[in-house]
Amino acid sequence: MKKDEDITIEEAQKVLDEMEIPVGTWENTEPSGDAEAFTIPSFKRIAGGLENLKELLGNQIKEDQNKIAELNMKLNRLKYGGGR
């Protein structure tokens, strides 16, 4: 059987049987409590949280860069005998 070829339901069932995948045993179920995790409002909430995280990380990076610059100045003063 070619990949692009249309197959009948019977052929599909035969292939699934050969792969030992049970056919006809699936049933409809109600969504569980965590199904809400995949809704648009939850994605918006997650996106908002990620935006906040992005801002916090950006601020932390700026603070760290300033601290590195300050420490580099202190190091150079110690190496080269600078003032205060």
Protein backbone atom coordinates (compact mmCIF):
# COMPACT_ATOMS: atom_id res chain seq x y z
CA MET A 1 0.00 0.00 0.00
CA LYS A 2 1.39 3.43 -0.96
CA LYS A 3 1.41 6.27 1.55
CA ASP A 4 -0.56 8.68 -0.64
CA GLU A 5 -3.16 6.06 -1.55
CA ASP A 6 -6.67 6.24 -0.04
CA ILE A 7 -7.56 3.18 1.97
CA THR A 8 -10.90 1.78 2.97
CA ILE A 9 -12.12 1.44 6.53
CA GLU A 10 -11.67 -2.31 6.33
CA GLU A 11 -8.05 -1.93 5.20
CA ALA A 12 -7.37 0.55 8.01
CA GLN A 13 -8.88 -1.85 10.56
CA LYS A 14 -6.72 -4.67 9.18
CA VAL A 15 -3.57 -2.56 9.51
CA LEU A 16 -4.52 -1.59 13.06
CA ASP A 17 -5.20 -5.24 13.92
CA GLU A 18 -1.78 -6.22 12.55
CA MET A 19 -0.22 -3.55 14.75
CA GLU A 20 -2.22 -4.96 17.70
CA ILE A 21 -4.04 -1.65 18.20
CA PRO A 22 -7.54 -2.38 19.54
CA VAL A 23 -10.32 -1.19 17.25
CA GLY A 24 -13.83 -0.43 18.43
CA THR A 25 -12.91 -0.17 22.10
CA TRP A 26 -12.66 3.61 22.24
CA GLU A 27 -15.41 5.48 23.99
CA ASN A 28 -16.37 9.11 24.43
CA THR A 29 -15.41 10.57 27.75
CA GLU A 30 -16.10 13.83 29.51
CA PRO A 31 -13.20 16.26 29.71
CA SER A 32 -11.28 16.15 32.95
CA GLY A 33 -10.72 19.17 35.18
CA ASP A 34 -7.44 20.09 33.45
CA ALA A 35 -9.14 20.48 30.05
CA GLU A 36 -9.44 24.20 30.87
CA ALA A 37 -5.67 24.44 30.43
CA PHE A 38 -6.16 24.46 26.67
CA THR A 39 -8.67 27.27 26.39
CA ILE A 40 -8.02 30.70 24.92
CA PRO A 41 -8.48 32.54 28.24
CA SER A 42 -5.89 30.30 29.84
CA PHE A 43 -3.46 30.95 26.97
CA LYS A 44 -4.02 34.70 27.44
CA ARG A 45 -3.37 34.33 31.16
CA ILE A 46 -0.18 32.40 30.46
CA ALA A 47 0.91 34.97 27.86
CA GLY A 48 0.37 37.76 30.39
CA GLY A 49 2.46 35.89 32.92
CA LEU A 50 5.22 35.41 30.37
CA GLU A 51 5.19 39.14 29.58
CA ASN A 52 5.62 39.88 33.29
CA LEU A 53 8.45 37.36 33.48
CA LYS A 54 10.09 38.95 30.44
CA GLU A 55 9.97 42.38 32.12
CA LEU A 56 11.33 41.02 35.41
CA LEU A 57 14.19 39.24 33.66
CA GLY A 58 14.98 42.35 31.62
CA ASN A 59 15.19 44.43 34.80
CA GLN A 60 17.37 41.81 36.48
CA ILE A 61 19.73 41.75 33.49
CA LYS A 62 20.09 45.55 33.63
CA GLU A 63 20.84 45.40 37.36
CA ASP A 64 23.39 42.63 36.82
CA GLN A 65 25.09 44.55 33.99
CA ASN A 66 25.32 47.65 36.19
CA LYS A 67 26.79 45.59 39.03
CA ILE A 68 29.35 44.03 36.67
CA ALA A 69 30.39 47.47 35.42
CA GLU A 70 30.73 48.69 39.02
CA LEU A 71 32.81 45.66 40.01
CA ASN A 72 35.03 46.08 36.93
CA MET A 73 35.74 49.70 37.96
CA LYS A 74 36.64 48.57 41.49
CA LEU A 75 38.89 45.84 40.08
CA ASN A 76 40.69 48.29 37.82
CA ARG A 77 41.22 50.67 40.77
CA LEU A 78 42.75 47.85 42.77
CA LYS A 79 44.95 46.69 39.86
CA TYR A 80 46.22 50.11 38.92
CA GLY A 81 46.17 51.90 42.26
CA GLY A 82 43.39 54.33 41.46
CA GLY A 83 41.66 56.60 43.92
CA ARG A 84 38.73 55.74 46.10
